[in-house]
Amino acid sequence: MSLGNEIKKLAIDNAVTLTQLAEYIGEKKQKPYSVQNLSTKLKKGTANFNELEMILDKLGYSIKFEKK
């Protein structure tokens, strides 16, 4: 499963819409951020690390790196 699909699944599981995620990212970046932009980035897998961090923060998750 792609990262975009995983994010969408987490959003559904947490009752958060893509619109709410886009608005949250826009607030954090302090500039407009459209649902279409978010959807395209999730579909193409081009969301950057900061955007993924913001998305996961809104959904109540964090990124954790563990050494093998």
PDB file of N, CA and C in Angstrom:
ATOM      1  N   MET A   1       0.851  -1.182   0.000  1.00  0.00           N
ATOM      2  CA  MET A   1       0.000   0.000   0.000  1.00  0.00           C
ATOM      3  C   MET A   1       0.893   1.239   0.000  1.00  0.00           C
ATOM      4  N   SER A   2       0.475   2.242  -0.743  1.00  0.00           N
ATOM      5  CA  SER A   2       1.274   3.464  -0.847  1.00  0.00           C
ATOM      6  C   SER A   2       1.105   4.345   0.396  1.00  0.00           C
ATOM      7  N   LEU A   3       2.053   5.235   0.582  1.00  0.00           N
ATOM      8  CA  LEU A   3       1.998   6.155   1.714  1.00  0.00           C
ATOM      9  C   LEU A   3       0.729   7.003   1.663  1.00  0.00           C
ATOM     10  N   GLY A   4       0.368   7.467   0.472  1.00  0.00           N
ATOM     11  CA  GLY A   4      -0.842   8.268   0.315  1.00  0.00           C
ATOM     12  C   GLY A   4      -2.084   7.518   0.775  1.00  0.00           C
ATOM     13  N   ASN A   5      -2.174   6.241   0.403  1.00  0.00           N
ATOM     14  CA  ASN A   5      -3.316   5.430   0.822  1.00  0.00           C
ATOM     15  C   ASN A   5      -3.313   5.206   2.328  1.00  0.00           C
ATOM     16  N   GLU A   6      -2.142   5.029   2.904  1.00  0.00           N
ATOM     17  CA  GLU A   6      -2.039   4.865   4.358  1.00  0.00           C
ATOM     18  C   GLU A   6      -2.512   6.124   5.079  1.00  0.00           C
ATOM     19  N   ILE A   7      -2.095   7.282   4.577  1.00  0.00           N
ATOM     20  CA  ILE A   7      -2.515   8.557   5.177  1.00  0.00           C
ATOM     21  C   ILE A   7      -4.025   8.710   5.071  1.00  0.00           C
ATOM     22  N   LYS A   8      -4.582   8.409   3.905  1.00  0.00           N
ATOM     23  CA  LYS A   8      -6.032   8.515   3.719  1.00  0.00           C
ATOM     24  C   LYS A   8      -6.776   7.569   4.664  1.00  0.00           C
ATOM     25  N   LYS A   9      -6.241   6.353   4.847  1.00  0.00           N
ATOM     26  CA  LYS A   9      -6.859   5.391   5.766  1.00  0.00           C
ATOM     27  C   LYS A   9      -6.814   5.920   7.196  1.00  0.00           C
ATOM     28  N   LEU A  10      -5.671   6.463   7.611  1.00  0.00           N
ATOM     29  CA  LEU A  10      -5.553   7.033   8.957  1.00  0.00           C
ATOM     30  C   LEU A  10      -6.528   8.194   9.141  1.00  0.00           C
ATOM     31  N   ALA A  11      -6.684   9.006   8.103  1.00  0.00           N
ATOM     32  CA  ALA A  11      -7.611  10.134   8.175  1.00  0.00           C
ATOM     33  C   ALA A  11      -9.039   9.633   8.380  1.00  0.00           C
ATOM     34  N   ILE A  12      -9.434   8.640   7.619  1.00  0.00           N
ATOM     35  CA  ILE A  12     -10.779   8.070   7.765  1.00  0.00           C
ATOM     36  C   ILE A  12     -10.957   7.478   9.153  1.00  0.00           C
ATOM     37  N   ASP A  13      -9.965   6.726   9.615  1.00  0.00           N
ATOM     38  CA  ASP A  13     -10.035   6.093  10.937  1.00  0.00           C
ATOM     39  C   ASP A  13     -10.170   7.123  12.058  1.00  0.00           C
ATOM     40  N   ASN A  14      -9.648   8.337  11.819  1.00  0.00           N
ATOM     41  CA  ASN A  14      -9.676   9.390  12.838  1.00  0.00           C
ATOM     42  C   ASN A  14     -10.710  10.474  12.540  1.00  0.00           C
ATOM     43  N   ALA A  15     -11.611  10.196  11.600  1.00  0.00           N
ATOM     44  CA  ALA A  15     -12.698  11.111  11.237  1.00  0.00           C
ATOM     45  C   ALA A  15     -12.186  12.510  10.880  1.00  0.00           C
ATOM     46  N   VAL A  16     -11.099  12.547  10.111  1.00  0.00           N
ATOM     47  CA  VAL A  16     -10.533  13.812   9.649  1.00  0.00           C
ATOM     48  C   VAL A  16     -10.599  13.811   8.127  1.00  0.00           C
ATOM     49  N   THR A  17     -11.112  14.876   7.560  1.00  0.00           N
ATOM     50  CA  THR A  17     -11.230  14.965   6.102  1.00  0.00           C
ATOM     51  C   THR A  17      -9.959  15.538   5.490  1.00  0.00           C
ATOM     52  N   LEU A  18      -9.805  15.320   4.184  1.00  0.00           N
ATOM     53  CA  LEU A  18      -8.672  15.922   3.477  1.00  0.00           C
ATOM     54  C   LEU A  18      -8.769  17.441   3.527  1.00  0.00           C
ATOM     55  N   THR A  19      -9.975  17.964   3.545  1.00  0.00           N
ATOM     56  CA  THR A  19     -10.170  19.412   3.663  1.00  0.00           C
ATOM     57  C   THR A  19      -9.596  19.911   4.982  1.00  0.00           C
ATOM     58  N   GLN A  20      -9.876  19.200   6.061  1.00  0.00           N
ATOM     59  CA  GLN A  20      -9.350  19.588   7.372  1.00  0.00           C
ATOM     60  C   GLN A  20      -7.827  19.493   7.394  1.00  0.00           C
ATOM     61  N   LEU A  21      -7.289  18.459   6.769  1.00  0.00           N
ATOM     62  CA  LEU A  21      -5.823  18.322   6.706  1.00  0.00           C
ATOM     63  C   LEU A  21      -5.204  19.468   5.912  1.00  0.00           C
ATOM     64  N   ALA A  22      -5.798  19.797   4.774  1.00  0.00           N
ATOM     65  CA  ALA A  22      -5.272  20.882   3.943  1.00  0.00           C
ATOM     66  C   ALA A  22      -5.339  22.214   4.691  1.00  0.00           C
ATOM     67  N   GLU A  23      -6.433  22.459   5.392  1.00  0.00           N
ATOM     68  CA  GLU A  23      -6.565  23.698   6.175  1.00  0.00           C
ATOM     69  C   GLU A  23      -5.506  23.749   7.272  1.00  0.00           C
ATOM     70  N   TYR A  24      -5.259  22.628   7.924  1.00  0.00           N
ATOM     71  CA  TYR A  24      -4.261  22.556   8.993  1.00  0.00           C
ATOM     72  C   TYR A  24      -2.860  22.854   8.453  1.00  0.00           C
ATOM     73  N   ILE A  25      -2.528  22.242   7.324  1.00  0.00           N
ATOM     74  CA  ILE A  25      -1.216  22.492   6.708  1.00  0.00           C
ATOM     75  C   ILE A  25      -1.098  23.964   6.318  1.00  0.00           C
ATOM     76  N   GLY A  26      -2.168  24.519   5.744  1.00  0.00           N
ATOM     77  CA  GLY A  26      -2.168  25.932   5.367  1.00  0.00           C
ATOM     78  C   GLY A  26      -1.935  26.840   6.563  1.00  0.00           C
ATOM     79  N   GLU A  27      -2.569  26.520   7.700  1.00  0.00           N
ATOM     80  CA  GLU A  27      -2.368  27.305   8.921  1.00  0.00           C
ATOM     81  C   GLU A  27      -0.920  27.208   9.391  1.00  0.00           C
ATOM     82  N   LYS A  28      -0.376  26.007   9.373  1.00  0.00           N
ATOM     83  CA  LYS A  28       1.005  25.808   9.826  1.00  0.00           C
ATOM     84  C   LYS A  28       2.007  26.504   8.915  1.00  0.00           C
ATOM     85  N   LYS A  29       1.754  26.451   7.599  1.00  0.00           N
ATOM     86  CA  LYS A  29       2.658  27.087   6.639  1.00  0.00           C
ATOM     87  C   LYS A  29       2.382  28.581   6.496  1.00  0.00           C
ATOM     88  N   GLN A  30       1.264  29.019   7.023  1.00  0.00           N
ATOM     89  CA  GLN A  30       0.823  30.410   6.932  1.00  0.00           C
ATOM     90  C   GLN A  30       0.694  30.871   5.483  1.00  0.00           C
ATOM     91  N   LYS A  31       0.129  29.977   4.665  1.00  0.00           N
ATOM     92  CA  LYS A  31      -0.185  30.316   3.278  1.00  0.00           C
ATOM     93  C   LYS A  31      -1.239  29.320   2.787  1.00  0.00           C
ATOM     94  N   PRO A  32      -1.977  29.703   1.759  1.00  0.00           N
ATOM     95  CA  PRO A  32      -3.043  28.809   1.263  1.00  0.00           C
ATOM     96  C   PRO A  32      -2.501  27.445   0.842  1.00  0.00           C
ATOM     97  N   TYR A  33      -3.256  26.422   1.165  1.00  0.00           N
ATOM     98  CA  TYR A  33      -2.893  25.048   0.810  1.00  0.00           C
ATOM     99  C   TYR A  33      -4.188  24.339   0.440  1.00  0.00           C
ATOM    100  N   SER A  34      -4.346  23.993  -0.822  1.00  0.00           N
ATOM    101  CA  SER A  34      -5.620  23.464  -1.304  1.00  0.00           C
ATOM    102  C   SER A  34      -5.742  21.953  -1.096  1.00  0.00           C
ATOM    103  N   VAL A  35      -6.992  21.511  -1.051  1.00  0.00           N
ATOM    104  CA  VAL A  35      -7.289  20.082  -0.960  1.00  0.00           C
ATOM    105  C   VAL A  35      -6.760  19.382  -2.209  1.00  0.00           C
ATOM    106  N   GLN A  36      -6.900  20.033  -3.349  1.00  0.00           N
ATOM    107  CA  GLN A  36      -6.415  19.452  -4.604  1.00  0.00           C
ATOM    108  C   GLN A  36      -4.902  19.246  -4.543  1.00  0.00           C
ATOM    109  N   ASN A  37      -4.176  20.212  -3.998  1.00  0.00           N
ATOM    110  CA  ASN A  37      -2.727  20.100  -3.858  1.00  0.00           C
ATOM    111  C   ASN A  37      -2.384  18.909  -2.962  1.00  0.00           C
ATOM    112  N   LEU A  38      -3.056  18.801  -1.819  1.00  0.00           N
ATOM    113  CA  LEU A  38      -2.812  17.701  -0.896  1.00  0.00           C
ATOM    114  C   LEU A  38      -3.123  16.365  -1.553  1.00  0.00           C
ATOM    115  N   SER A  39      -4.274  16.283  -2.188  1.00  0.00           N
ATOM    116  CA  SER A  39      -4.693  15.041  -2.827  1.00  0.00           C
ATOM    117  C   SER A  39      -3.695  14.602  -3.895  1.00  0.00           C
ATOM    118  N   THR A  40      -3.232  15.550  -4.707  1.00  0.00           N
ATOM    119  CA  THR A  40      -2.253  15.245  -5.753  1.00  0.00           C
ATOM    120  C   THR A  40      -0.943  14.760  -5.147  1.00  0.00           C
ATOM    121  N   LYS A  41      -0.482  15.430  -4.096  1.00  0.00           N
ATOM    122  CA  LYS A  41       0.774  15.035  -3.464  1.00  0.00           C
ATOM    123  C   LYS A  41       0.667  13.644  -2.845  1.00  0.00           C
ATOM    124  N   LEU A  42      -0.475  13.327  -2.254  1.00  0.00           N
ATOM    125  CA  LEU A  42      -0.656  11.996  -1.671  1.00  0.00           C
ATOM    126  C   LEU A  42      -0.726  10.933  -2.765  1.00  0.00           C
ATOM    127  N   LYS A  43      -1.409  11.247  -3.861  1.00  0.00           N
ATOM    128  CA  LYS A  43      -1.548  10.299  -4.963  1.00  0.00           C
ATOM    129  C   LYS A  43      -0.204  10.026  -5.627  1.00  0.00           C
ATOM    130  N   LYS A  44       0.586  11.088  -5.851  1.00  0.00           N
ATOM    131  CA  LYS A  44       1.871  10.948  -6.538  1.00  0.00           C
ATOM    132  C   LYS A  44       3.018  10.594  -5.595  1.00  0.00           C
ATOM    133  N   GLY A  45       2.780  10.686  -4.291  1.00  0.00           N
ATOM    134  CA  GLY A  45       3.834  10.400  -3.322  1.00  0.00           C
ATOM    135  C   GLY A  45       4.889  11.485  -3.270  1.00  0.00           C
ATOM    136  N   THR A  46       4.477  12.751  -3.478  1.00  0.00           N
ATOM    137  CA  THR A  46       5.440  13.846  -3.511  1.00  0.00           C
ATOM    138  C   THR A  46       5.346  14.783  -2.306  1.00  0.00           C
ATOM    139  N   ALA A  47       4.564  14.409  -1.301  1.00  0.00           N
ATOM    140  CA  ALA A  47       4.495  15.230  -0.083  1.00  0.00           C
ATOM    141  C   ALA A  47       5.870  15.205   0.579  1.00  0.00           C
ATOM    142  N   ASN A  48       6.320  16.364   1.050  1.00  0.00           N
ATOM    143  CA  ASN A  48       7.632  16.394   1.688  1.00  0.00           C
ATOM    144  C   ASN A  48       7.530  16.000   3.164  1.00  0.00           C
ATOM    145  N   PHE A  49       8.660  15.831   3.797  1.00  0.00           N
ATOM    146  CA  PHE A  49       8.717  15.365   5.180  1.00  0.00           C
ATOM    147  C   PHE A  49       7.938  16.278   6.118  1.00  0.00           C
ATOM    148  N   ASN A  50       8.097  17.595   5.957  1.00  0.00           N
ATOM    149  CA  ASN A  50       7.395  18.543   6.829  1.00  0.00           C
ATOM    150  C   ASN A  50       5.884  18.421   6.678  1.00  0.00           C
ATOM    151  N   GLU A  51       5.418  18.242   5.446  1.00  0.00           N
ATOM    152  CA  GLU A  51       3.983  18.070   5.225  1.00  0.00           C
ATOM    153  C   GLU A  51       3.483  16.785   5.871  1.00  0.00           C
ATOM    154  N   LEU A  52       4.239  15.716   5.726  1.00  0.00           N
ATOM    155  CA  LEU A  52       3.853  14.451   6.361  1.00  0.00           C
ATOM    156  C   LEU A  52       3.829  14.578   7.876  1.00  0.00           C
ATOM    157  N   GLU A  53       4.791  15.292   8.421  1.00  0.00           N
ATOM    158  CA  GLU A  53       4.821  15.535   9.868  1.00  0.00           C
ATOM    159  C   GLU A  53       3.568  16.289  10.323  1.00  0.00           C
ATOM    160  N   MET A  54       3.179  17.310   9.561  1.00  0.00           N
ATOM    161  CA  MET A  54       1.986  18.090   9.900  1.00  0.00           C
ATOM    162  C   MET A  54       0.725  17.236   9.811  1.00  0.00           C
ATOM    163  N   ILE A  55       0.635  16.430   8.756  1.00  0.00           N
ATOM    164  CA  ILE A  55      -0.522  15.555   8.579  1.00  0.00           C
ATOM    165  C   ILE A  55      -0.636  14.594   9.753  1.00  0.00           C
ATOM    166  N   LEU A  56       0.465  13.947  10.079  1.00  0.00           N
ATOM    167  CA  LEU A  56       0.445  12.974  11.176  1.00  0.00           C
ATOM    168  C   LEU A  56       0.173  13.644  12.515  1.00  0.00           C
ATOM    169  N   ASP A  57       0.663  14.867  12.698  1.00  0.00           N
ATOM    170  CA  ASP A  57       0.386  15.608  13.922  1.00  0.00           C
ATOM    171  C   ASP A  57      -1.118  15.838  14.062  1.00  0.00           C
ATOM    172  N   LYS A  58      -1.758  16.256  12.990  1.00  0.00           N
ATOM    173  CA  LYS A  58      -3.210  16.499  13.000  1.00  0.00           C
ATOM    174  C   LYS A  58      -3.977  15.210  13.310  1.00  0.00           C
ATOM    175  N   LEU A  59      -3.432  14.078  12.854  1.00  0.00           N
ATOM    176  CA  LEU A  59      -4.096  12.793  13.061  1.00  0.00           C
ATOM    177  C   LEU A  59      -3.728  12.145  14.398  1.00  0.00           C
ATOM    178  N   GLY A  60      -2.817  12.787  15.143  1.00  0.00           N
ATOM    179  CA  GLY A  60      -2.438  12.258  16.447  1.00  0.00           C
ATOM    180  C   GLY A  60      -1.318  11.232  16.412  1.00  0.00           C
ATOM    181  N   TYR A  61      -0.509  11.262  15.362  1.00  0.00           N
ATOM    182  CA  TYR A  61       0.612  10.334  15.220  1.00  0.00           C
ATOM    183  C   TYR A  61       1.916  11.117  15.118  1.00  0.00           C
ATOM    184  N   SER A  62       3.022  10.404  15.263  1.00  0.00           N
ATOM    185  CA  SER A  62       4.329  11.020  15.066  1.00  0.00           C
ATOM    186  C   SER A  62       5.197  10.062  14.270  1.00  0.00           C
ATOM    187  N   ILE A  63       6.274  10.592  13.744  1.00  0.00           N
ATOM    188  CA  ILE A  63       7.242   9.783  12.991  1.00  0.00           C
ATOM    189  C   ILE A  63       8.352   9.389  13.969  1.00  0.00           C
ATOM    190  N   LYS A  64       8.693   8.120  13.941  1.00  0.00           N
ATOM    191  CA  LYS A  64       9.737   7.646  14.841  1.00  0.00           C
ATOM    192  C   LYS A  64      10.734   6.815  14.021  1.00  0.00           C
ATOM    193  N   PHE A  65      12.002   7.143  14.168  1.00  0.00           N
ATOM    194  CA  PHE A  65      13.059   6.394  13.503  1.00  0.00           C
ATOM    195  C   PHE A  65      13.679   5.438  14.521  1.00  0.00           C
ATOM    196  N   GLU A  66      13.802   4.182  14.120  1.00  0.00           N
ATOM    197  CA  GLU A  66      14.428   3.174  14.978  1.00  0.00           C
ATOM    198  C   GLU A  66      15.549   2.489  14.213  1.00  0.00           C
ATOM    199  N   LYS A  67      16.643   2.316  14.878  1.00  0.00           N
ATOM    200  CA  LYS A  67      17.750   1.593  14.271  1.00  0.00           C
ATOM    201  C   LYS A  67      17.421   0.110  14.252  1.00  0.00           C
ATOM    202  N   LYS A  68      17.784  -0.547  13.167  1.00  0.00           N
ATOM    203  CA  LYS A  68      17.524  -1.997  13.028  1.00  0.00           C
ATOM    204  C   LYS A  68      18.331  -2.779  14.030  1.00  0.00           C
TER     205      LYS A  68
END
